[in-house]
Amino acid sequence: MASKTQLNITDSSRKPYLTILLLAWPVFVEQIFTTLVSFVDTMMVGSLGAEATASVSISNSPVFLLNGLVMSLGVGITALVARATGAEDAAMVRRLMRHALLAILYVGAPVTILVLALSRQIPLWMGAAPEILDTAAQYNFIVSCGRIFSLTGMILNSAFRGYGDTKTPMKANMVLNVVNVVGNFLLIYPTREITVAGISFTMIGAGWGVAGAATATAIGMAVSGGIALFNAFRKSNPYHISFREKNSLQPDRELCRSIFKISMPAMLERLCLSSAGVLTASTIAALGTASVAANALCGTAESLSYMPAFAFQMAITTLVGPSLGAGDPALAERFVKNCNLMGGTVMFFTGTALFVFAEPIIGMFTPDPTVIAIAAGCLRVEASIQVPQVIGWIYSGALRGAGDTKSIFYINAAANWGIRTAGLLIAIRVLHLQLTTAYIVVAVEITVRAVLFYLRYRSGKWKTVL
């Protein structure tokens, strides 16, 4: 019954570490590609000037928050699809696939319309300067035309990962990024002379500026969402969507209740972390321009280490559900043990590299010696907790795969607000300490959070949460 892109997760004849690798590598490649293209995309828009960059980024926080509310539904869909896959209940998987699409119709479409309607108000509420307001509004409107396809891809990809297909999301994401970069190249810049390897030629361009960047992004979203839809309706997909059944467009109340039961804590978690992030950013801003720049660059440098950690987290989320669905919690525990060993080993070497080469890594992004010195010190603190961080991610991924999203919300909310946010406020605004101290607070919070996730996992309650 498995397709070419679908992995039989509960195959006991395969070594657990091999199954983990087969699931993790497409996610890892996807993350690498997305990060590199993001750097290029930022540079291309940045070449238009500071106003262009501000126009593109001013609305990010509220739009990401609205997107996150829809994406949180994918958490419940992934967990339930994985559980049904492990139980070999293909009919239930197909019903969940259909409900994934209904989620776009009943939740994603209204969110898209809302962002379209508020395309000008959002940057205005965010304090956009008069000189960028029109451009920011135009960017929001154009991108939002492709947002429904983006949300469609996100929700359907959550279902695909639930039954072990991590390759389709990887391919769709890579196509999106390629279309975005090529579209930027053709639509942002005007027709111009280009010299490559000593050969000059005329490159046709639309010269639309920020509007060109928005159009390229919207087209990329449409293509990516189209790939996900094609895979969802593809007859060779054993779990393909069909609306031929009677009342197939009518949501199943019990199934929707199950999806929301798992997804609601994830929505609250995103809301909690986003609001804490806003307060944290404003607190760090009080340290001055050099510290703000150092914090941003340190985050950019550390994001490179997140890629393997995220891949292991996604793999274990996908593996735990089917194992429980097959009635084999011992298999889920073996996957978690192997994932911790693999993730801990990889992140040990990653952390070592970040610690040893902190200055050269930060130096790739800025020539300012003051910023380099501050950011390198912070990066070394972050490097020292790479292992507990990935272990915390893996345990939380296991809990998420089991559908135990409520405990994840409680732990993240308590640790983020009780340790990180409160600690930063005291360290910076009360004690007037520097950015490195703030990163020590963050390191403590990450370590405590990893311990709390471990204790929840060790309790075994995740095995029966659904």
Foldseek 3Di string as FASTA:
>chain_A
DDDPLFDPLPPPVDALLVLLCSQLPLLLLLLVLVLVLVVVLLVLLCVVDPLSSCLACLLVLVLVLLLQLLLLLLLLLLLQLLLCLLLVNLVVLLLSLLVLVLSLVPRVVVSLVVQLVCLQVRSVVSPPDPVNSVVSSLLSNLLSLLSSLLSLLSNLCSSCLSRHRSNLNSVLSNQLSVQLSVQSVAECCAWDWDADPNDIDIRHHNNPRSNSNSNSNSVSSNSSSVSSLCQQQPPSHSSHHDPPDPCSSPDDVVSVVSSCLLSVLSSVLSVLLSVLVVLLLVLQVVQDDLSNLLVVLLVSLCSNLVSSLVSLLSSLLSNLSSCLSNVHNVSSVSSLVSSLVVQLVVLLVVLVCCLVCVLVSSCVPDVDPSSSVQNSLLSNLVSVQSSLLSLLSNLVSNLSSLSVSNLVSVLSNCLSVVQLSVVSCCQCVPVNHHPSSSSNSVSVSSNVSSVSSVVVVVVVPSSPPD
